[in-house]
Amino acid sequence: MIRLENVTYSYDAARQPALENVNLTIPRGEFASIVGPNGGGKTTLVRLILGALKPQTGTVSLFGEDPEKARLRVGYTPQQARVDFKFPISVLDVVLAGRFGTRKTARTSTPKGLKRFLASASDRLFFRFNSDDREKALAALERMEVADLRDKAFGDLSGGQRQRVLIARALCSEPELLVLDEPTNNVDPSSAERFYETLADLNRETSILMVSHDLGVVSERVKSVVCVNRVVRLHPTSEFNGELVRELYKSDVRFVRHDHRCSEAGHVCARDVDEF
């Protein structure tokens, strides 16, 4: 599904590359998470996979072809921080936006020239959602358990509800790959747990690539971990342990329990806490 061979990318030729000599293969049906420190190259890697960036060296393929050509086969959900919540739009309209570019439009018999250009421009400028688009949008909302919110203003939703709506928008295009950028930012822990259960269910029919800082969830839910800190390494979840985390972040990482099972004398479960 995804293949990078000897890929190097630098935003500035005078500086150290953001990613260097990356070789990565991710098969179809995978549920993989991209982890690593801030500035380590996680976003750069995603943008290369989606074709938003071109590597200085090496090749990137998505579904066996150039990422720009395969982009419509991918559903992308950005970080909530990049979304304008003040924009006056309903939940249903947000999800319907995921249908742009999915429908093949009619063409004139002229293979080239002005008629074809004008037909293409008209398709984009005067795009209208049809009954099939609305049916798929409502089905995506139902799948994400937020169909009852379809007429509400998107900006009035909670963090967890917004995230589910954005995922529904990505699912509306019926993607073969779902790419999620920090999907649980601004989502409370209980909502995040239900959210990850939904993702596990979606993975039965759709490949998932997720950028996440939630290392605890990464170890429990995903099948493989893509560790990114200028270089890239792919590991099965079974290998994701404290030693690997220290190597990735170049420092010790402390995991804090939040179960609050403490007596007046202190924590009574310390013997149960092993290496992450």
C-alpha atoms as a PDB file:
ATOM      1  CA  MET A   1       0.000   0.000   0.000  1.00  0.00           C
ATOM      2  CA  ILE A   2       2.775   2.433   0.964  1.00  0.00           C
ATOM      3  CA  ARG A   3       6.394   2.165  -0.141  1.00  0.00           C
ATOM      4  CA  LEU A   4       9.277   4.597   0.371  1.00  0.00           C
ATOM      5  CA  GLU A   5      12.690   3.689  -1.025  1.00  0.00           C
ATOM      6  CA  ASN A   6      15.853   5.591  -0.087  1.00  0.00           C
ATOM      7  CA  VAL A   7      13.841   8.760   0.537  1.00  0.00           C
ATOM      8  CA  THR A   8      15.520  11.920   1.826  1.00  0.00           C
ATOM      9  CA  TYR A   9      13.733  15.236   2.284  1.00  0.00           C
ATOM     10  CA  SER A  10      15.083  18.586   3.470  1.00  0.00           C
ATOM     11  CA  TYR A  11      13.251  21.903   3.797  1.00  0.00           C
ATOM     12  CA  ASP A  12      16.582  23.738   3.578  1.00  0.00           C
ATOM     13  CA  ALA A  13      19.612  22.333   1.782  1.00  0.00           C
ATOM     14  CA  ALA A  14      21.898  24.027   4.321  1.00  0.00           C
ATOM     15  CA  ARG A  15      20.331  22.178   7.256  1.00  0.00           C
ATOM     16  CA  GLN A  16      20.134  18.586   8.368  1.00  0.00           C
ATOM     17  CA  PRO A  17      17.436  16.671   6.427  1.00  0.00           C
ATOM     18  CA  ALA A  18      14.030  16.355   8.065  1.00  0.00           C
ATOM     19  CA  LEU A  19      14.041  12.708   6.922  1.00  0.00           C
ATOM     20  CA  GLU A  20      17.055  10.777   5.721  1.00  0.00           C
ATOM     21  CA  ASN A  21      17.404   7.518   3.748  1.00  0.00           C
ATOM     22  CA  VAL A  22      13.915   6.273   4.602  1.00  0.00           C
ATOM     23  CA  ASN A  23      12.935   2.757   3.537  1.00  0.00           C
ATOM     24  CA  LEU A  24       9.418   1.846   4.595  1.00  0.00           C
ATOM     25  CA  THR A  25       6.784  -0.629   3.427  1.00  0.00           C
ATOM     26  CA  ILE A  26       3.253  -0.765   4.861  1.00  0.00           C
ATOM     27  CA  PRO A  27       0.871  -3.443   3.510  1.00  0.00           C
ATOM     28  CA  ARG A  28      -2.861  -3.173   2.909  1.00  0.00           C
ATOM     29  CA  GLY A  29      -5.103  -3.827   5.892  1.00  0.00           C
ATOM     30  CA  GLU A  30      -2.575  -2.399   8.356  1.00  0.00           C
ATOM     31  CA  PHE A  31      -3.376  -0.331  11.449  1.00  0.00           C
ATOM     32  CA  ALA A  32      -0.100   1.531  11.983  1.00  0.00           C
ATOM     33  CA  SER A  33       0.793   4.461  14.187  1.00  0.00           C
ATOM     34  CA  ILE A  34       3.508   7.042  13.530  1.00  0.00           C
ATOM     35  CA  VAL A  35       5.234   8.119  16.757  1.00  0.00           C
ATOM     36  CA  GLY A  36       8.229  10.280  17.579  1.00  0.00           C
ATOM     37  CA  PRO A  37       9.345  13.551  19.182  1.00  0.00           C
ATOM     38  CA  ASN A  38       8.173  16.959  18.036  1.00  0.00           C
ATOM     39  CA  GLY A  39      10.220  18.049  15.042  1.00  0.00           C
ATOM     40  CA  GLY A  40      11.272  14.467  14.345  1.00  0.00           C
ATOM     41  CA  GLY A  41       9.648  14.351  10.901  1.00  0.00           C
ATOM     42  CA  LYS A  42       6.214  12.762  11.498  1.00  0.00           C
ATOM     43  CA  THR A  43       4.291  15.413   9.556  1.00  0.00           C
ATOM     44  CA  THR A  44       6.903  15.422   6.796  1.00  0.00           C
ATOM     45  CA  LEU A  45       6.515  11.663   6.418  1.00  0.00           C
ATOM     46  CA  VAL A  46       2.721  11.942   6.113  1.00  0.00           C
ATOM     47  CA  ARG A  47       2.992  14.740   3.555  1.00  0.00           C
ATOM     48  CA  LEU A  48       5.402  12.663   1.466  1.00  0.00           C
ATOM     49  CA  ILE A  49       3.031   9.693   1.570  1.00  0.00           C
ATOM     50  CA  LEU A  50       0.100  11.888   0.468  1.00  0.00           C
ATOM     51  CA  GLY A  51       2.109  13.523  -2.325  1.00  0.00           C
ATOM     52  CA  ALA A  52       2.044  17.014  -0.778  1.00  0.00           C
ATOM     53  CA  LEU A  53       5.867  16.940  -0.783  1.00  0.00           C
ATOM     54  CA  LYS A  54       8.332  15.513  -3.294  1.00  0.00           C
ATOM     55  CA  PRO A  55      11.527  13.880  -1.975  1.00  0.00           C
ATOM     56  CA  GLN A  56      14.922  15.207  -3.050  1.00  0.00           C
ATOM     57  CA  THR A  57      16.099  11.615  -3.461  1.00  0.00           C
ATOM     58  CA  GLY A  58      14.326   8.275  -3.583  1.00  0.00           C
ATOM     59  CA  THR A  59      10.809   7.276  -4.559  1.00  0.00           C
ATOM     60  CA  VAL A  60       7.394   7.230  -2.873  1.00  0.00           C
ATOM     61  CA  SER A  61       4.491   5.104  -4.089  1.00  0.00           C
ATOM     62  CA  LEU A  62       0.912   4.844  -2.831  1.00  0.00           C
ATOM     63  CA  PHE A  63      -1.100   1.844  -4.007  1.00  0.00           C
ATOM     64  CA  GLY A  64       1.668   1.199  -6.502  1.00  0.00           C
ATOM     65  CA  GLU A  65       1.515   4.599  -8.219  1.00  0.00           C
ATOM     66  CA  ASP A  66       2.472   8.241  -7.770  1.00  0.00           C
ATOM     67  CA  PRO A  67       0.833   9.585  -4.565  1.00  0.00           C
ATOM     68  CA  GLU A  68      -0.735  12.515  -6.457  1.00  0.00           C
ATOM     69  CA  LYS A  69      -2.624  10.079  -8.691  1.00  0.00           C
ATOM     70  CA  ALA A  70      -3.723   7.876  -5.775  1.00  0.00           C
ATOM     71  CA  ARG A  71      -4.740  10.713  -3.449  1.00  0.00           C
ATOM     72  CA  LEU A  72      -8.494  10.236  -3.969  1.00  0.00           C
ATOM     73  CA  ARG A  73      -8.170   6.729  -2.539  1.00  0.00           C
ATOM     74  CA  VAL A  74      -7.171   8.255   0.825  1.00  0.00           C
ATOM     75  CA  GLY A  75      -9.365   9.810   3.515  1.00  0.00           C
ATOM     76  CA  TYR A  76      -7.444  12.403   5.548  1.00  0.00           C
ATOM     77  CA  THR A  77      -8.384  13.860   8.933  1.00  0.00           C
ATOM     78  CA  PRO A  78      -6.301  16.879  10.041  1.00  0.00           C
ATOM     79  CA  GLN A  79      -5.549  17.978  13.574  1.00  0.00           C
ATOM     80  CA  GLN A  80      -8.480  19.826  15.113  1.00  0.00           C
ATOM     81  CA  ALA A  81      -6.175  22.782  15.774  1.00  0.00           C
ATOM     82  CA  ARG A  82      -6.105  23.394  11.995  1.00  0.00           C
ATOM     83  CA  VAL A  83      -9.904  23.621  11.698  1.00  0.00           C
ATOM     84  CA  ASP A  84     -11.811  26.933  11.894  1.00  0.00           C
ATOM     85  CA  PHE A  85     -14.611  26.208  14.363  1.00  0.00           C
ATOM     86  CA  LYS A  86     -16.166  29.654  13.834  1.00  0.00           C
ATOM     87  CA  PHE A  87     -17.035  28.934  10.217  1.00  0.00           C
ATOM     88  CA  PRO A  88     -20.860  28.681  10.034  1.00  0.00           C
ATOM     89  CA  ILE A  89     -21.421  25.178   8.687  1.00  0.00           C
ATOM     90  CA  SER A  90     -23.587  22.265   9.771  1.00  0.00           C
ATOM     91  CA  VAL A  91     -22.305  18.809  10.651  1.00  0.00           C
ATOM     92  CA  LEU A  92     -23.940  17.297   7.560  1.00  0.00           C
ATOM     93  CA  ASP A  93     -22.306  19.876   5.290  1.00  0.00           C
ATOM     94  CA  VAL A  94     -18.891  19.150   6.815  1.00  0.00           C
ATOM     95  CA  VAL A  95     -19.295  15.452   6.021  1.00  0.00           C
ATOM     96  CA  LEU A  96     -20.684  16.113   2.531  1.00  0.00           C
ATOM     97  CA  ALA A  97     -17.500  18.028   1.730  1.00  0.00           C
ATOM     98  CA  GLY A  98     -15.764  14.654   1.754  1.00  0.00           C
ATOM     99  CA  ARG A  99     -17.609  13.804  -1.471  1.00  0.00           C
ATOM    100  CA  PHE A 100     -15.822  16.470  -3.549  1.00  0.00           C
ATOM    101  CA  GLY A 101     -13.827  14.858  -6.321  1.00  0.00           C
ATOM    102  CA  THR A 102     -15.242  11.358  -5.784  1.00  0.00           C
ATOM    103  CA  ARG A 103     -17.806  11.387  -8.570  1.00  0.00           C
ATOM    104  CA  LYS A 104     -16.783  10.836 -12.152  1.00  0.00           C
ATOM    105  CA  THR A 105     -18.377  13.463 -14.338  1.00  0.00           C
ATOM    106  CA  ALA A 106     -19.465  13.361 -17.949  1.00  0.00           C
ATOM    107  CA  ARG A 107     -17.142  14.545 -20.678  1.00  0.00           C
ATOM    108  CA  THR A 108     -17.785  15.817 -24.161  1.00  0.00           C
ATOM    109  CA  SER A 109     -16.791  13.708 -27.151  1.00  0.00           C
ATOM    110  CA  THR A 110     -13.897  16.070 -27.815  1.00  0.00           C
ATOM    111  CA  PRO A 111     -10.845  14.348 -26.260  1.00  0.00           C
ATOM    112  CA  LYS A 112      -8.820  17.532 -25.933  1.00  0.00           C
ATOM    113  CA  GLY A 113      -9.133  21.268 -26.227  1.00  0.00           C
ATOM    114  CA  LEU A 114     -11.437  24.016 -25.018  1.00  0.00           C
ATOM    115  CA  LYS A 115     -14.635  21.958 -24.650  1.00  0.00           C
ATOM    116  CA  ARG A 116     -13.002  19.484 -22.283  1.00  0.00           C
ATOM    117  CA  PHE A 117     -11.412  22.271 -20.242  1.00  0.00           C
ATOM    118  CA  LEU A 118     -14.738  24.112 -19.883  1.00  0.00           C
ATOM    119  CA  ALA A 119     -16.567  20.917 -18.944  1.00  0.00           C
ATOM    120  CA  SER A 120     -13.997  20.188 -16.252  1.00  0.00           C
ATOM    121  CA  ALA A 121     -14.179  23.752 -14.904  1.00  0.00           C
ATOM    122  CA  SER A 122     -17.983  23.611 -14.829  1.00  0.00           C
ATOM    123  CA  ASP A 123     -17.893  20.334 -12.884  1.00  0.00           C
ATOM    124  CA  ARG A 124     -15.792  21.977 -10.194  1.00  0.00           C
ATOM    125  CA  LEU A 125     -17.542  25.348 -10.028  1.00  0.00           C
ATOM    126  CA  PHE A 126     -21.118  24.091 -10.092  1.00  0.00           C
ATOM    127  CA  PHE A 127     -20.760  20.847  -8.159  1.00  0.00           C
ATOM    128  CA  ARG A 128     -24.050  19.716  -6.614  1.00  0.00           C
ATOM    129  CA  PHE A 129     -24.491  16.961  -4.076  1.00  0.00           C
ATOM    130  CA  ASN A 130     -26.987  14.317  -5.154  1.00  0.00           C
ATOM    131  CA  SER A 131     -29.051  11.788  -3.204  1.00  0.00           C
ATOM    132  CA  ASP A 132     -26.221   9.239  -3.312  1.00  0.00           C
ATOM    133  CA  ASP A 133     -23.813  11.766  -1.746  1.00  0.00           C
ATOM    134  CA  ARG A 134     -26.275  12.483   1.065  1.00  0.00           C
ATOM    135  CA  GLU A 135     -26.897   8.794   1.621  1.00  0.00           C
ATOM    136  CA  LYS A 136     -23.183   8.110   1.988  1.00  0.00           C
ATOM    137  CA  ALA A 137     -22.732  11.137   4.283  1.00  0.00           C
ATOM    138  CA  LEU A 138     -25.534   9.978   6.581  1.00  0.00           C
ATOM    139  CA  ALA A 139     -24.136   6.436   6.569  1.00  0.00           C
ATOM    140  CA  ALA A 140     -20.712   7.773   7.606  1.00  0.00           C
ATOM    141  CA  LEU A 141     -22.277   9.797  10.438  1.00  0.00           C
ATOM    142  CA  GLU A 142     -24.172   6.705  11.557  1.00  0.00           C
ATOM    143  CA  ARG A 143     -20.967   4.675  11.479  1.00  0.00           C
ATOM    144  CA  MET A 144     -19.280   7.212  13.735  1.00  0.00           C
ATOM    145  CA  GLU A 145     -22.315   7.325  16.047  1.00  0.00           C
ATOM    146  CA  VAL A 146     -23.059  11.031  15.505  1.00  0.00           C
ATOM    147  CA  ALA A 147     -26.001  10.897  13.060  1.00  0.00           C
ATOM    148  CA  ASP A 148     -28.221  12.704  15.589  1.00  0.00           C
ATOM    149  CA  LEU A 149     -25.920  15.758  15.316  1.00  0.00           C
ATOM    150  CA  ARG A 150     -26.295  16.242  11.552  1.00  0.00           C
ATOM    151  CA  ASP A 151     -28.223  19.535  11.776  1.00  0.00           C
ATOM    152  CA  LYS A 152     -26.115  21.070  14.545  1.00  0.00           C
ATOM    153  CA  ALA A 153     -23.439  23.715  13.951  1.00  0.00           C
ATOM    154  CA  PHE A 154     -20.024  22.063  13.747  1.00  0.00           C
ATOM    155  CA  GLY A 155     -18.492  24.732  15.995  1.00  0.00           C
ATOM    156  CA  ASP A 156     -20.927  23.933  18.818  1.00  0.00           C
ATOM    157  CA  LEU A 157     -19.771  20.340  19.235  1.00  0.00           C
ATOM    158  CA  SER A 158     -17.463  18.930  21.890  1.00  0.00           C
ATOM    159  CA  GLY A 159     -13.920  17.879  21.002  1.00  0.00           C
ATOM    160  CA  GLY A 160     -14.850  14.208  20.801  1.00  0.00           C
ATOM    161  CA  GLN A 161     -17.910  14.911  18.647  1.00  0.00           C
ATOM    162  CA  ARG A 162     -15.905  17.089  16.260  1.00  0.00           C
ATOM    163  CA  GLN A 163     -13.316  14.371  15.821  1.00  0.00           C
ATOM    164  CA  ARG A 164     -15.967  11.806  14.957  1.00  0.00           C
ATOM    165  CA  VAL A 165     -17.506  14.189  12.425  1.00  0.00           C
ATOM    166  CA  LEU A 166     -14.108  14.781  10.783  1.00  0.00           C
ATOM    167  CA  ILE A 167     -13.567  11.024  10.553  1.00  0.00           C
ATOM    168  CA  ALA A 168     -17.047  10.680   9.013  1.00  0.00           C
ATOM    169  CA  ARG A 169     -16.026  13.309   6.439  1.00  0.00           C
ATOM    170  CA  ALA A 170     -12.990  11.195   5.531  1.00  0.00           C
ATOM    171  CA  LEU A 171     -15.062   7.985   5.410  1.00  0.00           C
ATOM    172  CA  CYS A 172     -17.628   9.643   3.144  1.00  0.00           C
ATOM    173  CA  SER A 173     -15.232   9.284   0.212  1.00  0.00           C
ATOM    174  CA  GLU A 174     -15.095   5.502   0.812  1.00  0.00           C
ATOM    175  CA  PRO A 175     -11.280   5.493   1.168  1.00  0.00           C
ATOM    176  CA  GLU A 176      -8.991   2.490   1.010  1.00  0.00           C
ATOM    177  CA  LEU A 177      -6.638   4.218   3.474  1.00  0.00           C
ATOM    178  CA  LEU A 178      -7.587   6.455   6.399  1.00  0.00           C
ATOM    179  CA  VAL A 179      -4.869   8.882   7.582  1.00  0.00           C
ATOM    180  CA  LEU A 180      -5.421  10.495  10.996  1.00  0.00           C
ATOM    181  CA  ASP A 181      -3.261  13.303  12.394  1.00  0.00           C
ATOM    182  CA  GLU A 182      -3.353  13.341  16.224  1.00  0.00           C
ATOM    183  CA  PRO A 183      -7.009  12.236  16.340  1.00  0.00           C
ATOM    184  CA  THR A 184      -7.434  12.432  20.109  1.00  0.00           C
ATOM    185  CA  ASN A 185      -6.111  15.955  20.702  1.00  0.00           C
ATOM    186  CA  ASN A 186      -8.697  17.890  22.769  1.00  0.00           C
ATOM    187  CA  VAL A 187     -10.664  14.684  23.402  1.00  0.00           C
ATOM    188  CA  ASP A 188     -11.392  13.548  26.967  1.00  0.00           C
ATOM    189  CA  PRO A 189     -10.070  10.093  28.020  1.00  0.00           C
ATOM    190  CA  SER A 190     -13.448   8.328  28.090  1.00  0.00           C
ATOM    191  CA  SER A 191     -14.343   9.580  24.610  1.00  0.00           C
ATOM    192  CA  ALA A 192     -10.869   8.637  23.359  1.00  0.00           C
ATOM    193  CA  GLU A 193     -11.323   5.044  24.520  1.00  0.00           C
ATOM    194  CA  ARG A 194     -14.613   4.688  22.611  1.00  0.00           C
ATOM    195  CA  PHE A 195     -13.019   6.423  19.642  1.00  0.00           C
ATOM    196  CA  TYR A 196     -10.174   3.893  19.440  1.00  0.00           C
ATOM    197  CA  GLU A 197     -12.668   1.037  19.680  1.00  0.00           C
ATOM    198  CA  THR A 198     -14.421   2.511  16.645  1.00  0.00           C
ATOM    199  CA  LEU A 199     -11.098   2.713  14.767  1.00  0.00           C
ATOM    200  CA  ALA A 200     -10.380  -0.946  15.518  1.00  0.00           C
ATOM    201  CA  ASP A 201     -13.762  -1.796  14.017  1.00  0.00           C
ATOM    202  CA  LEU A 202     -13.090   0.363  10.940  1.00  0.00           C
ATOM    203  CA  ASN A 203      -9.762  -1.395  10.411  1.00  0.00           C
ATOM    204  CA  ARG A 204     -11.640  -4.561   9.446  1.00  0.00           C
ATOM    205  CA  GLU A 205     -12.381  -2.952   6.094  1.00  0.00           C
ATOM    206  CA  THR A 206     -10.048   0.066   5.814  1.00  0.00           C
ATOM    207  CA  SER A 207      -6.300   0.464   6.313  1.00  0.00           C
ATOM    208  CA  ILE A 208      -5.418   3.080   8.950  1.00  0.00           C
ATOM    209  CA  LEU A 209      -2.300   5.215   9.406  1.00  0.00           C
ATOM    210  CA  MET A 210      -2.382   7.384  12.535  1.00  0.00           C
ATOM    211  CA  VAL A 211      -0.029  10.000  13.956  1.00  0.00           C
ATOM    212  CA  SER A 212      -0.251   9.846  17.746  1.00  0.00           C
ATOM    213  CA  HIS A 213       1.511  10.891  20.943  1.00  0.00           C
ATOM    214  CA  ASP A 214      -0.650   8.522  23.003  1.00  0.00           C
ATOM    215  CA  LEU A 215       1.938   5.782  23.504  1.00  0.00           C
ATOM    216  CA  GLY A 216      -0.273   3.758  25.832  1.00  0.00           C
ATOM    217  CA  VAL A 217      -2.981   3.400  23.201  1.00  0.00           C
ATOM    218  CA  VAL A 218      -0.384   2.728  20.523  1.00  0.00           C
ATOM    219  CA  SER A 219       0.843  -0.317  22.431  1.00  0.00           C
ATOM    220  CA  GLU A 220      -2.672  -1.700  22.920  1.00  0.00           C
ATOM    221  CA  ARG A 221      -4.516  -0.997  19.680  1.00  0.00           C
ATOM    222  CA  VAL A 222      -2.294  -0.842  16.619  1.00  0.00           C
ATOM    223  CA  LYS A 223      -0.575  -3.656  14.724  1.00  0.00           C
ATOM    224  CA  SER A 224       2.706  -1.879  13.975  1.00  0.00           C
ATOM    225  CA  VAL A 225       4.574   1.254  15.003  1.00  0.00           C
ATOM    226  CA  VAL A 226       6.461   3.609  12.679  1.00  0.00           C
ATOM    227  CA  CYS A 227       9.150   5.314  14.792  1.00  0.00           C
ATOM    228  CA  VAL A 228      10.271   8.633  13.299  1.00  0.00           C
ATOM    229  CA  ASN A 229      13.173  10.784  14.441  1.00  0.00           C
ATOM    230  CA  ARG A 230      14.838  11.869  11.184  1.00  0.00           C
ATOM    231  CA  VAL A 231      15.338   8.185  10.430  1.00  0.00           C
ATOM    232  CA  VAL A 232      12.375   5.815  10.208  1.00  0.00           C
ATOM    233  CA  ARG A 233      12.001   2.325  11.649  1.00  0.00           C
ATOM    234  CA  LEU A 234       8.986   0.015  11.467  1.00  0.00           C
ATOM    235  CA  HIS A 235       8.307  -2.317  14.407  1.00  0.00           C
ATOM    236  CA  PRO A 236       5.537  -4.764  15.280  1.00  0.00           C
ATOM    237  CA  THR A 237       3.661  -3.650  18.388  1.00  0.00           C
ATOM    238  CA  SER A 238       5.160  -6.551  20.355  1.00  0.00           C
ATOM    239  CA  GLU A 239       8.598  -4.876  20.110  1.00  0.00           C
ATOM    240  CA  PHE A 240       7.368  -1.489  21.371  1.00  0.00           C
ATOM    241  CA  ASN A 241       8.818  -1.288  24.884  1.00  0.00           C
ATOM    242  CA  GLY A 242      10.578   1.106  27.232  1.00  0.00           C
ATOM    243  CA  GLU A 243      13.992   0.594  25.641  1.00  0.00           C
ATOM    244  CA  LEU A 244      12.647   1.429  22.189  1.00  0.00           C
ATOM    245  CA  VAL A 245      10.896   4.538  23.536  1.00  0.00           C
ATOM    246  CA  ARG A 246      14.099   5.785  25.187  1.00  0.00           C
ATOM    247  CA  GLU A 247      16.015   5.249  21.949  1.00  0.00           C
ATOM    248  CA  LEU A 248      13.356   7.085  19.932  1.00  0.00           C
ATOM    249  CA  TYR A 249      13.044  10.114  22.215  1.00  0.00           C
ATOM    250  CA  LYS A 250      16.736  10.165  23.195  1.00  0.00           C
ATOM    251  CA  SER A 251      15.758  10.435  26.867  1.00  0.00           C
ATOM    252  CA  ASP A 252      13.843   8.635  29.586  1.00  0.00           C
ATOM    253  CA  VAL A 253      10.059   8.861  29.284  1.00  0.00           C
ATOM    254  CA  ARG A 254       8.028   8.537  32.458  1.00  0.00           C
ATOM    255  CA  PHE A 255       4.604   6.877  32.301  1.00  0.00           C
ATOM    256  CA  VAL A 256       2.214   8.008  35.023  1.00  0.00           C
ATOM    257  CA  ARG A 257      -0.612   5.875  36.389  1.00  0.00           C
ATOM    258  CA  HIS A 258      -4.020   7.527  36.766  1.00  0.00           C
ATOM    259  CA  ASP A 259      -5.947   4.769  38.544  1.00  0.00           C
ATOM    260  CA  HIS A 260      -5.781   6.591  41.952  1.00  0.00           C
ATOM    261  CA  ARG A 261      -5.655   3.307  43.842  1.00  0.00           C
ATOM    262  CA  CYS A 262      -3.534   4.667  46.690  1.00  0.00           C
ATOM    263  CA  SER A 263      -3.801   4.212  50.436  1.00  0.00           C
ATOM    264  CA  GLU A 264      -2.826   6.821  53.022  1.00  0.00           C
ATOM    265  CA  ALA A 265       0.566   5.106  53.208  1.00  0.00           C
ATOM    266  CA  GLY A 266       1.123   5.506  49.467  1.00  0.00           C
ATOM    267  CA  HIS A 267       0.598   3.547  46.280  1.00  0.00           C
ATOM    268  CA  VAL A 268      -0.304  -0.063  47.072  1.00  0.00           C
ATOM    269  CA  CYS A 269       0.169  -1.392  43.502  1.00  0.00           C
ATOM    270  CA  ALA A 270       3.805  -0.480  42.868  1.00  0.00           C
ATOM    271  CA  ARG A 271       4.771  -4.149  42.521  1.00  0.00           C
ATOM    272  CA  ASP A 272       2.373  -4.426  39.559  1.00  0.00           C
ATOM    273  CA  VAL A 273       4.055  -1.664  37.583  1.00  0.00           C
ATOM    274  CA  ASP A 274       6.585  -3.151  35.184  1.00  0.00           C
ATOM    275  CA  GLU A 275       8.428  -1.659  32.265  1.00  0.00           C
ATOM    276  CA  PHE A 276       6.014  -0.162  29.741  1.00  0.00           C
END
